[in-house]
Amino acid sequence: MQFDGLVTALLEYPKKRDLFRVLAEASGSDKLFAPHVIEIERLNKTRNKVAHGVWVEGRKPGSIKPAGVKARGKIQVLGNEHNEEEWDADKLNRAARDMVVEAEALENLLRDLGLDVHLT
């Protein structure tokens, strides 16, 4: 199945993900596509936390942790407890590398479907 002329640059992530899912289903490759979507969803949560979060200094030297307020159900203040997840430069770099690796894997799968894609 060949898809020509599909441009997704202006689509937001959820619409792009849904479009690629439909294309994978149409080509019969949805079982190959699903694990990538699950991993990308997990990595996208990290990406959003890093890109859009407010950060405070962590307890360990050179570390930071997300801060803010969650108001779904019970109100929860983040960034002031000792047991919260902390990030250092190595952990942030690993997360970025994981995102690139998964994007490249998805890119290769989409190319196998006949799409000329550039995700990274």
C-alpha atoms as a PDB file:
ATOM      1  CA  MET A   1       0.000   0.000   0.000  1.00  0.00           C
ATOM      2  CA  GLN A   2       1.542   3.337  -1.046  1.00  0.00           C
ATOM      3  CA  PHE A   3       0.590   6.662   0.586  1.00  0.00           C
ATOM      4  CA  ASP A   4       1.761   9.715  -1.346  1.00  0.00           C
ATOM      5  CA  GLY A   5       1.642  13.364  -0.406  1.00  0.00           C
ATOM      6  CA  LEU A   6       0.812  13.024   3.293  1.00  0.00           C
ATOM      7  CA  VAL A   7       2.108  16.002   5.290  1.00  0.00           C
ATOM      8  CA  THR A   8       1.770  15.924   9.054  1.00  0.00           C
ATOM      9  CA  ALA A   9       4.067  18.762  10.109  1.00  0.00           C
ATOM     10  CA  LEU A  10       1.178  20.965  11.234  1.00  0.00           C
ATOM     11  CA  LEU A  11      -0.652  18.229  13.123  1.00  0.00           C
ATOM     12  CA  GLU A  12      -0.452  18.105  16.893  1.00  0.00           C
ATOM     13  CA  TYR A  13       0.902  14.902  18.413  1.00  0.00           C
ATOM     14  CA  PRO A  14      -2.457  13.181  19.190  1.00  0.00           C
ATOM     15  CA  LYS A  15      -3.735  13.717  15.636  1.00  0.00           C
ATOM     16  CA  LYS A  16      -0.443  12.585  14.133  1.00  0.00           C
ATOM     17  CA  ARG A  17      -0.452   9.449  16.326  1.00  0.00           C
ATOM     18  CA  ASP A  18      -4.050   8.650  15.376  1.00  0.00           C
ATOM     19  CA  LEU A  19      -3.335   9.159  11.670  1.00  0.00           C
ATOM     20  CA  PHE A  20      -0.333   6.834  11.776  1.00  0.00           C
ATOM     21  CA  ARG A  21      -2.424   4.287  13.699  1.00  0.00           C
ATOM     22  CA  VAL A  22      -5.100   4.341  10.971  1.00  0.00           C
ATOM     23  CA  LEU A  23      -2.453   3.942   8.274  1.00  0.00           C
ATOM     24  CA  ALA A  24      -0.925   1.004  10.144  1.00  0.00           C
ATOM     25  CA  GLU A  25      -4.355  -0.620  10.472  1.00  0.00           C
ATOM     26  CA  ALA A  26      -5.072  -0.041   6.776  1.00  0.00           C
ATOM     27  CA  SER A  27      -1.814  -1.765   5.858  1.00  0.00           C
ATOM     28  CA  GLY A  28      -2.338  -4.661   8.265  1.00  0.00           C
ATOM     29  CA  SER A  29       0.667  -3.604  10.377  1.00  0.00           C
ATOM     30  CA  ASP A  30      -1.210  -2.434  13.463  1.00  0.00           C
ATOM     31  CA  LYS A  31       0.221  -5.260  15.616  1.00  0.00           C
ATOM     32  CA  LEU A  32       3.739  -4.064  14.759  1.00  0.00           C
ATOM     33  CA  PHE A  33       2.736  -0.450  15.336  1.00  0.00           C
ATOM     34  CA  ALA A  34       1.039  -0.896  18.748  1.00  0.00           C
ATOM     35  CA  PRO A  35       4.198  -1.505  20.860  1.00  0.00           C
ATOM     36  CA  HIS A  36       5.768   1.643  19.405  1.00  0.00           C
ATOM     37  CA  VAL A  37       2.692   3.682  20.296  1.00  0.00           C
ATOM     38  CA  ILE A  38       2.751   2.392  23.868  1.00  0.00           C
ATOM     39  CA  GLU A  39       6.424   3.304  24.273  1.00  0.00           C
ATOM     40  CA  ILE A  40       5.983   6.681  22.588  1.00  0.00           C
ATOM     41  CA  GLU A  41       3.045   7.466  24.885  1.00  0.00           C
ATOM     42  CA  ARG A  42       5.259   6.710  27.888  1.00  0.00           C
ATOM     43  CA  LEU A  43       8.118   8.789  26.499  1.00  0.00           C
ATOM     44  CA  ASN A  44       5.763  11.623  25.545  1.00  0.00           C
ATOM     45  CA  LYS A  45       4.726  11.975  29.189  1.00  0.00           C
ATOM     46  CA  THR A  46       8.394  12.408  30.080  1.00  0.00           C
ATOM     47  CA  ARG A  47       8.850  14.854  27.209  1.00  0.00           C
ATOM     48  CA  ASN A  48       5.897  16.946  28.361  1.00  0.00           C
ATOM     49  CA  LYS A  49       7.159  16.942  31.936  1.00  0.00           C
ATOM     50  CA  VAL A  50      10.597  18.137  30.809  1.00  0.00           C
ATOM     51  CA  ALA A  51       9.402  20.628  28.200  1.00  0.00           C
ATOM     52  CA  HIS A  52       6.484  22.188  30.037  1.00  0.00           C
ATOM     53  CA  GLY A  53       7.234  21.570  33.689  1.00  0.00           C
ATOM     54  CA  VAL A  54       8.372  23.826  36.456  1.00  0.00           C
ATOM     55  CA  TRP A  55      11.487  22.482  38.147  1.00  0.00           C
ATOM     56  CA  VAL A  56      13.019  22.962  41.570  1.00  0.00           C
ATOM     57  CA  GLU A  57      16.395  21.976  42.942  1.00  0.00           C
ATOM     58  CA  GLY A  58      16.590  18.352  44.049  1.00  0.00           C
ATOM     59  CA  ARG A  59      18.184  16.991  47.210  1.00  0.00           C
ATOM     60  CA  LYS A  60      21.170  15.465  45.401  1.00  0.00           C
ATOM     61  CA  PRO A  61      23.818  17.823  43.984  1.00  0.00           C
ATOM     62  CA  GLY A  62      23.118  18.603  40.322  1.00  0.00           C
ATOM     63  CA  SER A  63      19.570  17.253  40.395  1.00  0.00           C
ATOM     64  CA  ILE A  64      16.185  18.806  39.758  1.00  0.00           C
ATOM     65  CA  LYS A  65      12.629  17.591  40.208  1.00  0.00           C
ATOM     66  CA  PRO A  66       9.234  18.649  38.873  1.00  0.00           C
ATOM     67  CA  ALA A  67       7.216  21.031  40.999  1.00  0.00           C
ATOM     68  CA  GLY A  68       3.600  22.095  40.840  1.00  0.00           C
ATOM     69  CA  VAL A  69       0.110  21.202  41.929  1.00  0.00           C
ATOM     70  CA  LYS A  70      -2.063  18.309  40.759  1.00  0.00           C
ATOM     71  CA  ALA A  71      -5.744  18.976  41.306  1.00  0.00           C
ATOM     72  CA  ARG A  72      -7.362  15.809  39.967  1.00  0.00           C
ATOM     73  CA  GLY A  73      -9.279  14.288  42.816  1.00  0.00           C
ATOM     74  CA  LYS A  74      -7.141  14.994  45.858  1.00  0.00           C
ATOM     75  CA  ILE A  75      -4.928  18.109  45.656  1.00  0.00           C
ATOM     76  CA  GLN A  76      -1.263  17.144  45.582  1.00  0.00           C
ATOM     77  CA  VAL A  77       1.702  19.529  45.824  1.00  0.00           C
ATOM     78  CA  LEU A  78       4.762  18.323  43.915  1.00  0.00           C
ATOM     79  CA  GLY A  79       8.386  19.241  44.465  1.00  0.00           C
ATOM     80  CA  ASN A  80       8.574  19.456  48.239  1.00  0.00           C
ATOM     81  CA  GLU A  81       8.759  15.800  49.337  1.00  0.00           C
ATOM     82  CA  HIS A  82      12.022  13.896  49.833  1.00  0.00           C
ATOM     83  CA  ASN A  83      10.836  10.760  48.019  1.00  0.00           C
ATOM     84  CA  GLU A  84       9.960  12.415  44.677  1.00  0.00           C
ATOM     85  CA  GLU A  85      11.734  11.491  41.459  1.00  0.00           C
ATOM     86  CA  GLU A  86      14.840  13.567  40.807  1.00  0.00           C
ATOM     87  CA  TRP A  87      16.545  14.125  37.472  1.00  0.00           C
ATOM     88  CA  ASP A  88      20.168  14.847  36.705  1.00  0.00           C
ATOM     89  CA  ALA A  89      21.872  15.562  33.372  1.00  0.00           C
ATOM     90  CA  ASP A  90      22.570  11.867  32.735  1.00  0.00           C
ATOM     91  CA  LYS A  91      18.948  10.858  33.308  1.00  0.00           C
ATOM     92  CA  LEU A  92      17.692  13.677  31.069  1.00  0.00           C
ATOM     93  CA  ASN A  93      20.155  12.648  28.345  1.00  0.00           C
ATOM     94  CA  ARG A  94      19.067   9.000  28.602  1.00  0.00           C
ATOM     95  CA  ALA A  95      15.424  10.028  28.242  1.00  0.00           C
ATOM     96  CA  ALA A  96      16.274  12.103  25.162  1.00  0.00           C
ATOM     97  CA  ARG A  97      18.224   9.192  23.626  1.00  0.00           C
ATOM     98  CA  ASP A  98      15.316   6.821  24.319  1.00  0.00           C
ATOM     99  CA  MET A  99      12.987   9.223  22.501  1.00  0.00           C
ATOM    100  CA  VAL A 100      15.293   9.375  19.469  1.00  0.00           C
ATOM    101  CA  VAL A 101      15.715   5.584  19.355  1.00  0.00           C
ATOM    102  CA  GLU A 102      11.958   4.995  19.515  1.00  0.00           C
ATOM    103  CA  ALA A 103      11.242   7.714  16.938  1.00  0.00           C
ATOM    104  CA  GLU A 104      13.754   6.094  14.581  1.00  0.00           C
ATOM    105  CA  ALA A 105      12.174   2.666  15.097  1.00  0.00           C
ATOM    106  CA  LEU A 106       8.731   4.087  14.348  1.00  0.00           C
ATOM    107  CA  GLU A 107      10.126   5.974  11.369  1.00  0.00           C
ATOM    108  CA  ASN A 108      11.531   2.716   9.950  1.00  0.00           C
ATOM    109  CA  LEU A 109       8.206   0.930  10.452  1.00  0.00           C
ATOM    110  CA  LEU A 110       6.333   3.748   8.707  1.00  0.00           C
ATOM    111  CA  ARG A 111       8.837   3.642   5.836  1.00  0.00           C
ATOM    112  CA  ASP A 112       8.167  -0.084   5.541  1.00  0.00           C
ATOM    113  CA  LEU A 113       4.504   0.899   5.076  1.00  0.00           C
ATOM    114  CA  GLY A 114       5.512   3.064   2.125  1.00  0.00           C
ATOM    115  CA  LEU A 115       5.580   6.418   3.884  1.00  0.00           C
ATOM    116  CA  ASP A 116       8.447   8.873   3.430  1.00  0.00           C
ATOM    117  CA  VAL A 117       8.702  10.134   6.999  1.00  0.00           C
ATOM    118  CA  HIS A 118      11.144  12.215   9.014  1.00  0.00           C
ATOM    119  CA  LEU A 119      10.367  12.111  12.746  1.00  0.00           C
ATOM    120  CA  THR A 120      13.769  13.040  14.159  1.00  0.00           C
END
